[in-house]
N, C-alpha and C. Protein backbone atom coordinates (compact mmCIF):
# COMPACT_ATOMS: atom_id res chain seq x y z
N UNK A 1 140.71 42.58 -126.94
CA UNK A 1 140.23 41.71 -125.43
C UNK A 1 139.37 40.70 -125.69
N UNK A 2 139.66 39.70 -124.59
CA UNK A 2 138.90 38.26 -125.48
C UNK A 2 137.49 38.29 -124.87
N UNK A 3 136.90 37.16 -125.24
CA UNK A 3 135.58 36.93 -124.81
C UNK A 3 135.40 36.67 -123.55
N UNK A 4 134.26 37.06 -122.47
CA UNK A 4 134.33 36.86 -121.26
C UNK A 4 133.89 35.13 -121.34
N UNK A 5 134.41 34.92 -120.03
CA UNK A 5 134.27 33.20 -119.82
C UNK A 5 133.08 32.92 -120.19
N UNK A 6 131.43 33.41 -119.73
CA UNK A 6 130.41 32.71 -119.97
C UNK A 6 129.93 32.94 -121.57
N UNK A 7 130.62 34.12 -122.31
CA UNK A 7 130.39 33.99 -123.81
C UNK A 7 131.14 32.73 -124.49
N UNK A 8 132.57 32.68 -123.85
CA UNK A 8 133.17 31.27 -124.76
C UNK A 8 132.61 29.75 -124.27
N UNK A 9 131.78 29.65 -123.07
CA UNK A 9 130.89 28.63 -122.61
C UNK A 9 129.45 28.52 -123.46
N UNK A 10 128.88 29.61 -123.43
CA UNK A 10 127.73 29.39 -124.04
C UNK A 10 127.35 30.03 -125.16
N UNK A 11 128.59 30.80 -125.99
CA UNK A 11 127.94 31.72 -127.18
C UNK A 11 128.16 30.34 -128.11
N UNK A 12 128.55 29.46 -128.17
CA UNK A 12 127.96 28.45 -129.46
C UNK A 12 126.67 27.75 -129.34
N UNK A 13 126.06 27.82 -128.48
CA UNK A 13 124.71 27.66 -128.41
C UNK A 13 123.62 28.29 -129.32
N UNK A 14 123.65 29.26 -129.52
CA UNK A 14 123.03 30.37 -130.22
C UNK A 14 123.39 29.77 -132.03
N UNK A 15 124.25 29.64 -132.20
CA UNK A 15 124.75 28.91 -133.77
C UNK A 15 124.49 28.03 -133.99
N UNK A 16 124.41 26.80 -132.74
CA UNK A 16 124.43 25.72 -133.15
C UNK A 16 122.64 25.09 -133.15
N UNK A 17 122.06 25.14 -134.38
CA UNK A 17 120.58 24.77 -134.69
C UNK A 17 120.51 23.22 -134.83
N UNK A 18 119.74 22.67 -134.45
CA UNK A 18 119.39 21.25 -134.61
C UNK A 18 118.79 21.46 -135.82
N UNK A 19 119.23 20.18 -136.59
CA UNK A 19 118.36 19.73 -138.00
C UNK A 19 116.87 20.11 -137.77
N UNK A 20 116.50 20.63 -138.95
CA UNK A 20 115.02 20.29 -138.62
C UNK A 20 114.62 19.19 -139.25
N UNK A 21 113.04 18.82 -139.12
CA UNK A 21 112.50 17.44 -139.43
C UNK A 21 112.70 17.57 -140.91
N UNK A 22 112.49 18.48 -141.89
CA UNK A 22 112.63 18.47 -143.08
C UNK A 22 114.16 18.03 -143.62
N UNK A 23 114.97 18.63 -142.83
CA UNK A 23 116.37 18.13 -143.06
C UNK A 23 116.66 16.69 -142.63
N UNK A 24 116.52 16.21 -141.53
CA UNK A 24 116.31 14.91 -141.46
C UNK A 24 115.97 14.13 -142.33
N UNK A 25 114.53 14.24 -142.58
CA UNK A 25 114.07 13.58 -143.47
C UNK A 25 114.76 13.70 -144.97
N UNK A 26 115.03 14.77 -145.46
CA UNK A 26 115.68 14.45 -146.53
C UNK A 26 117.13 13.92 -146.54
N UNK A 27 117.53 13.81 -145.68
CA UNK A 27 118.98 12.97 -144.88
C UNK A 27 118.70 11.41 -144.90
N UNK A 28 117.44 11.27 -144.96
CA UNK A 28 117.25 9.55 -145.07
C UNK A 28 116.59 8.85 -143.73
N UNK A 29 116.51 10.03 -142.86
CA UNK A 29 115.90 9.46 -141.26
C UNK A 29 114.17 9.15 -141.48
N UNK A 30 114.33 7.81 -141.30
CA UNK A 30 113.02 7.13 -141.73
C UNK A 30 111.94 7.93 -140.65
N UNK A 31 112.08 8.16 -139.26
CA UNK A 31 111.39 8.56 -138.32
C UNK A 31 110.87 10.36 -138.76
N UNK A 32 111.73 11.03 -139.12
CA UNK A 32 111.59 12.10 -139.45
C UNK A 32 110.91 12.24 -140.96
N UNK A 33 110.83 11.28 -141.59
CA UNK A 33 110.27 11.27 -143.07
C UNK A 33 108.49 10.65 -142.61
N UNK A 34 108.35 9.71 -141.68
CA UNK A 34 107.15 9.67 -140.95
C UNK A 34 106.48 10.60 -140.37
N UNK A 35 107.19 11.57 -139.92
CA UNK A 35 106.72 12.66 -139.34
C UNK A 35 106.16 13.65 -140.15
N UNK A 36 106.94 13.55 -141.47
CA UNK A 36 106.47 14.86 -142.32
C UNK A 36 105.38 14.08 -143.09
N UNK A 37 105.48 13.02 -143.19
CA UNK A 37 103.87 12.36 -144.03
C UNK A 37 102.64 12.81 -142.96
N UNK A 38 102.80 12.24 -141.79
CA UNK A 38 101.66 12.83 -141.09
C UNK A 38 101.70 13.80 -141.05
N UNK A 39 102.21 14.91 -141.01
CA UNK A 39 102.08 16.45 -141.12
C UNK A 39 101.51 16.85 -142.35
N UNK A 40 101.95 16.32 -143.37
CA UNK A 40 100.99 16.32 -144.68
C UNK A 40 99.81 15.98 -144.49
N UNK A 41 99.73 14.65 -144.06
CA UNK A 41 98.38 14.05 -143.88
C UNK A 41 97.44 14.47 -142.85
N UNK A 42 98.16 15.34 -141.98
CA UNK A 42 97.05 15.88 -141.02
C UNK A 42 97.15 17.51 -140.65
N UNK A 43 97.12 18.41 -141.66
CA UNK A 43 97.41 19.65 -141.69
C UNK A 43 96.17 20.15 -141.10
N UNK A 44 96.24 21.09 -140.27
CA UNK A 44 95.27 21.69 -139.46
C UNK A 44 95.31 22.95 -140.08
N UNK A 45 94.02 23.36 -140.15
CA UNK A 45 93.73 25.16 -140.62
C UNK A 45 93.84 25.27 -142.28
N UNK A 46 94.25 24.07 -142.81
CA UNK A 46 94.67 24.16 -144.45
C UNK A 46 94.21 22.69 -144.80
N UNK A 47 94.09 22.76 -146.56
CA UNK A 47 93.71 20.73 -146.76
C UNK A 47 95.16 20.30 -146.89
N UNK A 48 94.67 19.29 -146.10
CA UNK A 48 95.76 17.90 -146.29
C UNK A 48 96.61 17.69 -147.59
N UNK A 49 97.66 17.52 -147.69
CA UNK A 49 98.36 16.99 -148.85
C UNK A 49 98.59 15.94 -148.68
N UNK A 50 97.86 14.87 -149.31
CA UNK A 50 98.08 13.35 -149.31
C UNK A 50 99.46 12.79 -150.21
N UNK A 51 99.36 13.82 -151.27
CA UNK A 51 100.22 13.07 -152.29
C UNK A 51 101.54 13.41 -151.31
N UNK A 52 101.77 14.27 -150.49
CA UNK A 52 103.20 14.78 -149.90
C UNK A 52 103.22 13.72 -148.77
N UNK A 53 102.57 13.61 -148.69
CA UNK A 53 102.00 12.48 -147.20
C UNK A 53 102.48 11.05 -147.64
N UNK A 54 102.05 10.83 -148.79
CA UNK A 54 102.26 9.34 -149.15
C UNK A 54 103.82 9.30 -149.85
N UNK A 55 104.41 10.30 -150.36
CA UNK A 55 105.79 10.42 -151.07
C UNK A 55 106.60 10.09 -149.72
N UNK A 56 106.14 10.88 -148.36
CA UNK A 56 107.26 10.68 -147.29
C UNK A 56 107.19 9.33 -146.58
N UNK A 57 105.80 8.71 -146.68
CA UNK A 57 105.83 7.35 -146.12
C UNK A 57 106.37 6.26 -147.02
N UNK A 58 106.33 6.54 -148.09
CA UNK A 58 107.01 5.70 -149.03
C UNK A 58 108.32 5.57 -148.50
N UNK A 59 109.28 6.70 -148.58
CA UNK A 59 110.70 6.97 -148.47
C UNK A 59 111.03 5.94 -146.80
N UNK A 60 109.87 6.31 -145.99
CA UNK A 60 110.21 5.55 -144.56
C UNK A 60 109.71 4.08 -144.92
N UNK A 61 108.68 3.95 -145.63
CA UNK A 61 107.96 2.47 -145.42
C UNK A 61 109.51 1.21 -146.55
N UNK A 62 109.93 2.26 -146.97
CA UNK A 62 111.25 0.99 -147.63
C UNK A 62 112.21 0.95 -146.71
N UNK A 63 112.23 1.55 -145.81
CA UNK A 63 113.51 1.49 -144.59
C UNK A 63 112.82 0.87 -143.35
N UNK A 64 111.76 0.33 -143.46
CA UNK A 64 111.27 -0.78 -142.87
C UNK A 64 110.52 0.08 -141.57
N UNK A 65 110.18 1.06 -141.75
CA UNK A 65 109.32 1.94 -140.74
C UNK A 65 108.03 1.53 -140.89
N UNK A 66 107.79 0.74 -139.71
CA UNK A 66 106.21 0.08 -139.77
C UNK A 66 105.12 0.41 -139.81
N UNK A 67 105.39 1.82 -138.67
CA UNK A 67 103.66 2.82 -138.98
C UNK A 67 103.39 3.41 -140.33
N UNK A 68 104.72 3.96 -141.32
CA UNK A 68 104.97 4.19 -142.26
C UNK A 68 104.22 3.41 -143.39
N UNK A 69 104.62 2.03 -142.73
CA UNK A 69 103.75 0.72 -144.03
C UNK A 69 102.32 0.79 -143.82
N UNK A 70 102.37 0.74 -142.48
CA UNK A 70 100.38 0.59 -142.50
C UNK A 70 99.89 1.98 -142.82
N UNK A 71 100.62 3.13 -142.58
CA UNK A 71 99.76 4.52 -143.45
C UNK A 71 99.64 4.43 -144.71
N UNK A 72 101.03 4.18 -145.35
CA UNK A 72 100.78 3.87 -146.61
C UNK A 72 100.01 2.90 -147.35
N UNK A 73 99.65 1.70 -146.94
CA UNK A 73 98.74 0.52 -147.24
C UNK A 73 97.45 1.31 -146.88
N UNK A 74 97.25 1.93 -146.05
CA UNK A 74 96.18 2.46 -145.86
C UNK A 74 95.51 3.68 -146.92
N UNK A 75 96.38 4.51 -147.34
CA UNK A 75 95.89 5.62 -148.43
C UNK A 75 96.22 4.62 -149.61
N UNK A 76 96.47 3.45 -149.75
CA UNK A 76 96.47 2.82 -151.11
C UNK A 76 94.92 2.26 -151.19
N UNK A 77 94.45 1.73 -150.00
CA UNK A 77 93.31 1.20 -149.84
C UNK A 77 92.00 2.19 -150.00
N UNK A 78 92.04 3.24 -149.63
CA UNK A 78 91.18 4.29 -150.03
C UNK A 78 91.81 5.34 -151.34
N UNK A 79 92.84 5.22 -151.62
CA UNK A 79 92.85 6.19 -153.02
C UNK A 79 93.45 7.39 -152.59
N UNK A 80 93.88 7.65 -151.36
CA UNK A 80 94.00 8.99 -150.65
C UNK A 80 95.81 9.39 -151.20
N UNK A 81 96.05 10.46 -151.90
CA UNK A 81 97.68 10.83 -152.31
C UNK A 81 98.09 9.65 -153.51
N UNK A 82 97.17 8.55 -153.82
CA UNK A 82 98.07 7.90 -154.72
C UNK A 82 96.65 6.81 -154.96
N UNK A 83 97.18 6.12 -156.33
CA UNK A 83 95.74 5.57 -157.00
C UNK A 83 95.21 4.35 -156.02
N UNK A 84 93.88 4.35 -156.16
CA UNK A 84 93.38 3.36 -155.36
C UNK A 84 94.04 2.01 -155.68
N UNK A 85 94.91 1.12 -154.66
CA UNK A 85 95.14 -0.09 -155.53
C UNK A 85 95.46 -1.45 -154.54
N UNK A 86 94.30 -2.01 -154.33
CA UNK A 86 94.36 -3.15 -153.09
C UNK A 86 95.40 -3.92 -153.45
N UNK A 87 96.14 -4.35 -154.38
CA UNK A 87 97.59 -4.93 -154.11
C UNK A 87 98.66 -4.51 -153.53
N UNK A 88 98.58 -3.19 -153.57
CA UNK A 88 99.59 -2.50 -152.88
C UNK A 88 99.38 -2.04 -151.56
N UNK A 89 97.75 -1.76 -151.70
CA UNK A 89 97.58 -1.94 -150.04
C UNK A 89 98.05 -2.89 -149.10
N UNK A 90 97.28 -4.08 -149.85
CA UNK A 90 97.78 -5.51 -149.31
C UNK A 90 98.93 -5.59 -148.39
N UNK A 91 99.96 -5.47 -149.96
CA UNK A 91 101.54 -5.70 -149.61
C UNK A 91 101.87 -4.58 -148.54
N UNK A 92 101.78 -3.49 -148.21
CA UNK A 92 101.98 -2.51 -147.53
C UNK A 92 101.53 -3.20 -145.80
N UNK A 93 100.35 -3.27 -145.73
CA UNK A 93 99.26 -3.41 -144.44
C UNK A 93 99.84 -5.09 -144.11
N UNK A 94 100.12 -5.82 -144.88
CA UNK A 94 100.82 -7.08 -144.41
C UNK A 94 102.54 -7.05 -144.05
N UNK A 95 102.85 -6.22 -144.70
CA UNK A 95 104.23 -5.96 -143.81
C UNK A 95 104.49 -5.37 -142.47
N UNK A 96 103.67 -4.68 -142.19
CA UNK A 96 103.30 -3.81 -141.14
C UNK A 96 102.54 -5.23 -139.93
N UNK A 97 101.86 -5.90 -140.28
CA UNK A 97 101.11 -6.77 -139.67
C UNK A 97 102.32 -7.45 -139.60
N UNK A 98 103.09 -7.76 -140.13
CA UNK A 98 103.95 -9.41 -140.22
C UNK A 98 104.88 -8.33 -138.86
N UNK A 99 105.23 -7.58 -138.94
CA UNK A 99 106.05 -6.95 -138.11
C UNK A 99 105.65 -6.70 -136.70
N UNK A 100 104.66 -6.91 -136.64
CA UNK A 100 103.48 -6.76 -135.12
C UNK A 100 102.72 -5.37 -135.05
N UNK A 101 102.54 -5.08 -135.88
CA UNK A 101 101.33 -3.35 -135.90
C UNK A 101 100.16 -4.23 -135.73
N UNK A 102 99.82 -3.87 -134.11
CA UNK A 102 98.23 -3.98 -133.89
C UNK A 102 97.25 -3.67 -134.65
N UNK A 103 97.10 -2.24 -135.44
CA UNK A 103 96.33 -1.85 -136.48
C UNK A 103 96.48 -2.29 -137.27
N UNK A 104 97.42 -2.52 -138.35
CA UNK A 104 97.77 -3.48 -139.46
C UNK A 104 97.12 -5.02 -139.34
N UNK A 105 97.53 -5.80 -138.17
CA UNK A 105 97.14 -6.95 -138.30
C UNK A 105 95.72 -6.97 -137.95
N UNK A 106 94.89 -5.93 -137.35
CA UNK A 106 93.57 -6.35 -137.34
C UNK A 106 92.75 -5.74 -138.61
N UNK A 107 93.38 -4.89 -139.19
CA UNK A 107 93.01 -4.20 -140.64
C UNK A 107 93.32 -5.83 -141.62
N UNK A 108 94.11 -6.23 -141.48
CA UNK A 108 94.18 -7.40 -142.28
C UNK A 108 93.23 -8.71 -141.92
N UNK A 109 92.92 -8.92 -140.79
CA UNK A 109 91.69 -9.68 -140.22
C UNK A 109 90.34 -9.31 -140.85
N UNK A 110 90.05 -8.07 -140.95
CA UNK A 110 88.88 -7.03 -141.51
C UNK A 110 89.30 -7.70 -143.17
N UNK A 111 90.21 -7.52 -143.58
CA UNK A 111 90.22 -7.70 -145.00
C UNK A 111 89.55 -9.55 -145.45
N UNK A 112 90.32 -10.37 -144.54
CA UNK A 112 90.21 -11.42 -145.02
C UNK A 112 88.98 -12.01 -144.32
N UNK A 113 88.27 -11.42 -143.34
CA UNK A 113 86.79 -12.01 -143.15
C UNK A 113 85.98 -11.26 -144.20
N UNK A 114 86.08 -10.24 -144.66
CA UNK A 114 85.33 -9.64 -146.15
C UNK A 114 85.61 -10.35 -146.82
N UNK A 115 87.01 -11.15 -147.45
CA UNK A 115 87.16 -12.12 -148.48
C UNK A 115 86.17 -13.15 -148.29
N UNK A 116 85.99 -13.99 -146.84
CA UNK A 116 85.47 -14.70 -146.49
C UNK A 116 83.96 -14.80 -146.94
N UNK A 117 83.61 -13.69 -147.09
CA UNK A 117 82.06 -13.89 -147.36
C UNK A 117 81.62 -13.50 -148.70
N UNK A 118 82.88 -13.14 -149.97
CA UNK A 118 82.82 -13.15 -151.31
C UNK A 118 83.38 -14.71 -151.76
N UNK A 119 83.65 -15.38 -150.88
CA UNK A 119 84.49 -16.48 -151.31
C UNK A 119 83.52 -17.87 -151.80
N UNK A 120 84.09 -18.93 -152.41
CA UNK A 120 83.37 -19.92 -152.24
C UNK A 120 83.66 -20.66 -150.93
N UNK A 121 82.89 -21.50 -150.67
CA UNK A 121 83.04 -22.24 -149.07
C UNK A 121 84.49 -22.60 -148.83
N UNK A 122 85.09 -23.48 -149.54
CA UNK A 122 86.21 -23.76 -149.67
C UNK A 122 87.13 -22.86 -149.22
N UNK A 123 87.36 -21.59 -150.16
CA UNK A 123 87.95 -20.58 -149.98
C UNK A 123 87.62 -19.63 -148.79
N UNK A 124 86.31 -19.50 -148.19
CA UNK A 124 85.82 -19.16 -146.85
C UNK A 124 86.60 -19.15 -145.78
N UNK A 125 86.84 -21.12 -146.07
CA UNK A 125 87.05 -21.36 -144.42
C UNK A 125 88.78 -20.82 -144.21
N UNK A 126 89.39 -20.84 -145.40
CA UNK A 126 90.92 -20.32 -145.47
C UNK A 126 90.71 -19.23 -144.97
N UNK A 127 90.02 -18.45 -145.44
CA UNK A 127 90.10 -16.96 -145.27
C UNK A 127 89.50 -16.59 -143.72
N UNK A 128 88.83 -17.18 -143.12
CA UNK A 128 88.23 -16.99 -141.47
C UNK A 128 89.50 -17.44 -141.10
N UNK A 129 90.15 -18.53 -141.13
CA UNK A 129 91.19 -19.36 -140.63
C UNK A 129 92.20 -17.79 -140.26
N UNK A 130 92.70 -17.12 -141.58
CA UNK A 130 93.37 -16.19 -141.55
C UNK A 130 93.07 -14.94 -140.63
N UNK A 131 91.96 -14.58 -140.86
CA UNK A 131 91.09 -13.44 -140.03
C UNK A 131 90.98 -13.57 -138.54
N UNK A 132 90.89 -15.23 -138.49
CA UNK A 132 90.75 -15.66 -137.23
C UNK A 132 92.51 -14.94 -136.29
N UNK A 133 93.54 -15.81 -137.29
CA UNK A 133 94.68 -15.72 -136.65
C UNK A 133 95.34 -14.21 -136.68
N UNK A 134 94.73 -13.29 -137.44
CA UNK A 134 95.41 -11.62 -137.46
C UNK A 134 94.39 -10.77 -136.52
N UNK A 135 92.84 -11.21 -136.49
CA UNK A 135 92.22 -10.64 -135.00
C UNK A 135 93.09 -11.60 -133.77
N UNK A 136 93.55 -12.40 -133.33
CA UNK A 136 93.82 -12.79 -132.29
C UNK A 136 95.06 -12.14 -132.13
N UNK A 137 96.11 -11.85 -132.83
CA UNK A 137 97.30 -11.31 -132.40
C UNK A 137 97.07 -10.10 -132.37
N UNK A 138 95.81 -9.11 -133.12
CA UNK A 138 95.95 -7.98 -132.56
C UNK A 138 95.08 -7.83 -131.36
N UNK A 139 94.27 -8.71 -131.05
CA UNK A 139 93.74 -8.79 -129.77
C UNK A 139 94.52 -8.99 -128.56
N UNK A 140 95.31 -10.04 -128.90
CA UNK A 140 96.79 -9.90 -127.69
C UNK A 140 97.28 -8.55 -127.47
N UNK A 141 97.24 -7.55 -128.41
CA UNK A 141 97.75 -6.42 -128.19
C UNK A 141 96.97 -5.16 -127.40
N UNK A 142 95.74 -5.98 -127.31
CA UNK A 142 94.46 -4.94 -127.11
C UNK A 142 94.37 -4.15 -128.31
N UNK A 143 94.34 -4.22 -128.96
CA UNK A 143 94.10 -3.27 -130.06
C UNK A 143 92.04 -3.32 -130.11
N UNK A 144 91.70 -1.81 -130.13
CA UNK A 144 90.69 -2.04 -129.83
C UNK A 144 89.74 -2.55 -130.98
N UNK A 145 88.45 -2.92 -130.69
CA UNK A 145 87.79 -3.86 -131.31
C UNK A 145 88.12 -5.61 -132.00
N UNK A 146 89.42 -5.58 -131.70
CA UNK A 146 89.92 -7.24 -131.91
C UNK A 146 88.97 -8.13 -131.47
N UNK A 147 88.81 -7.99 -130.00
CA UNK A 147 88.78 -9.02 -128.99
C UNK A 147 86.86 -9.36 -129.75
N UNK A 148 86.24 -8.40 -129.99
CA UNK A 148 84.76 -8.30 -130.56
C UNK A 148 84.43 -9.22 -132.00
N UNK A 149 85.74 -8.88 -132.92
CA UNK A 149 85.76 -9.56 -133.97
C UNK A 149 86.01 -10.95 -134.06
N UNK A 150 87.08 -11.21 -132.66
CA UNK A 150 87.62 -12.44 -132.63
C UNK A 150 86.40 -13.39 -132.29
N UNK A 151 85.38 -12.60 -131.25
CA UNK A 151 84.66 -13.47 -130.94
C UNK A 151 83.51 -13.99 -131.75
N UNK A 152 83.08 -12.85 -132.54
CA UNK A 152 82.09 -13.00 -133.67
C UNK A 152 82.51 -13.81 -134.88
N UNK A 153 83.85 -14.08 -135.11
CA UNK A 153 84.50 -15.13 -135.97
C UNK A 153 84.36 -16.41 -135.22
N UNK A 154 84.76 -16.52 -134.34
CA UNK A 154 84.56 -17.96 -133.43
C UNK A 154 83.37 -18.76 -133.71
N UNK A 155 82.48 -18.10 -133.55
CA UNK A 155 81.28 -18.15 -133.05
C UNK A 155 80.87 -19.08 -134.22
N UNK A 156 81.17 -18.64 -135.46
CA UNK A 156 81.01 -19.42 -136.40
C UNK A 156 81.79 -20.72 -137.18
N UNK A 157 83.16 -20.71 -136.23
CA UNK A 157 84.16 -21.96 -136.49
C UNK A 157 84.00 -23.06 -136.07
N UNK A 158 84.25 -24.34 -136.02
CA UNK A 158 84.29 -25.40 -135.75
C UNK A 158 84.95 -25.65 -134.62
N UNK A 159 85.53 -26.81 -133.89
CA UNK A 159 86.30 -26.72 -132.93
C UNK A 159 87.60 -26.75 -133.30
N UNK A 160 87.94 -27.73 -134.44
CA UNK A 160 89.10 -27.89 -135.18
C UNK A 160 89.58 -26.75 -135.79
N UNK A 161 88.39 -25.72 -136.66
CA UNK A 161 88.73 -24.46 -137.04
C UNK A 161 89.54 -23.65 -136.11
N UNK A 162 89.20 -23.25 -134.85
CA UNK A 162 89.50 -22.89 -133.53
C UNK A 162 90.70 -23.06 -133.37
N UNK A 163 91.05 -24.57 -133.11
CA UNK A 163 92.34 -25.08 -132.90
C UNK A 163 93.31 -24.69 -134.04
N UNK A 164 92.98 -24.92 -135.30
CA UNK A 164 94.22 -24.35 -136.42
C UNK A 164 94.29 -22.83 -136.47
N UNK A 165 93.51 -21.90 -135.64
CA UNK A 165 93.74 -20.62 -135.94
C UNK A 165 94.42 -20.37 -134.80
N UNK A 166 94.26 -20.86 -133.73
CA UNK A 166 95.41 -20.62 -132.73
C UNK A 166 96.55 -21.35 -133.08
N UNK A 167 96.81 -22.59 -133.54
CA UNK A 167 97.89 -22.87 -134.00
C UNK A 167 98.85 -21.94 -134.99
N UNK A 168 98.21 -21.24 -136.13
CA UNK A 168 98.36 -20.13 -136.63
C UNK A 168 99.10 -18.95 -136.11
N UNK A 169 98.58 -18.67 -135.38
CA UNK A 169 98.58 -17.46 -134.11
C UNK A 169 99.55 -17.79 -133.62
N UNK A 170 100.06 -19.17 -132.97
CA UNK A 170 101.17 -19.44 -132.10
C UNK A 170 102.39 -19.73 -132.81
N UNK A 171 101.88 -20.19 -134.11
CA UNK A 171 103.36 -20.47 -134.88
C UNK A 171 103.79 -18.95 -135.56
N UNK A 172 102.81 -18.17 -135.88
CA UNK A 172 103.24 -16.63 -136.02
C UNK A 172 104.38 -16.02 -134.94
N UNK A 173 104.03 -16.23 -133.71
CA UNK A 173 104.59 -15.72 -132.72
C UNK A 173 106.02 -16.46 -132.57
N UNK A 174 105.95 -17.52 -132.68
CA UNK A 174 106.91 -18.68 -132.62
C UNK A 174 108.09 -18.49 -133.31
N UNK A 175 107.49 -17.95 -134.67
CA UNK A 175 108.30 -17.48 -135.65
C UNK A 175 109.32 -16.32 -135.46
N UNK A 176 108.74 -15.70 -134.47
CA UNK A 176 109.91 -14.54 -134.56
C UNK A 176 109.52 -13.20 -135.22
N UNK A 177 108.17 -12.94 -135.43
CA UNK A 177 107.79 -12.04 -136.43
C UNK A 177 107.51 -10.94 -135.35
N UNK A 178 107.34 -11.19 -134.09
CA UNK A 178 106.86 -10.09 -133.24
C UNK A 178 106.96 -10.36 -131.99
N UNK A 179 106.86 -10.12 -130.99
CA UNK A 179 106.67 -10.33 -129.35
C UNK A 179 105.49 -10.77 -128.99
N UNK A 180 104.65 -10.63 -129.75
CA UNK A 180 103.29 -11.07 -129.27
C UNK A 180 102.94 -12.46 -128.16
N UNK A 181 102.51 -12.77 -126.97
CA UNK A 181 102.42 -14.03 -126.81
C UNK A 181 100.99 -14.37 -127.08
N UNK A 182 101.07 -15.47 -127.44
CA UNK A 182 100.13 -16.28 -128.29
C UNK A 182 99.24 -16.63 -127.46
N UNK A 183 97.89 -16.54 -126.94
CA UNK A 183 96.75 -16.98 -126.06
C UNK A 183 95.80 -18.11 -126.61
N UNK A 184 95.30 -19.08 -126.13
CA UNK A 184 94.32 -19.98 -126.63
C UNK A 184 92.68 -19.02 -126.47
N UNK A 185 92.49 -19.34 -127.50
CA UNK A 185 91.18 -18.79 -127.47
C UNK A 185 90.02 -20.44 -127.45
N UNK A 186 88.90 -20.45 -127.06
CA UNK A 186 88.05 -21.12 -126.81
C UNK A 186 87.12 -21.07 -127.61
N UNK A 187 86.29 -21.92 -128.56
CA UNK A 187 85.14 -21.62 -129.17
C UNK A 187 83.92 -21.56 -128.69
N UNK A 188 83.17 -20.53 -129.00
CA UNK A 188 82.00 -20.17 -128.16
C UNK A 188 80.83 -20.99 -128.18
């Protein structure tokens, strides 16, 4: 005797299991790799496994997964799960920032701003211009704290420097690196 019609129609649902995140990640799915990395980095009730998080973030980052690039850069910046390495941190944070990730843009602004304090005056101006550009781009996306950072840095700039900072931000946007609309910022 054959199966009833409803078992023929719905019976296969029980045997079709969706791929797990682990399986998807192992098969190269960047979003699943990022998800696993996030899970390892923020395990509740137990100790996070930052080395595993970095491993999965790296796989996703190598596939141009922007949040994974930022997360990996942050891990290199502080030495969680990977050896502390400012060069690697800057590489990954810059990649994410160049693809429009607001938090990465803000972080890059902070790094350039800090560099301006440790630089000779001629290099400090360049660092401030870059910081201005990245804060400007992050503020355009309403990233928390970027407006205040932009205002603070603007207060110490000349009119010409603000114009140059605006030009750099507009040039970045015009270059098609992301979809942020550059808005002019007036010096304070």
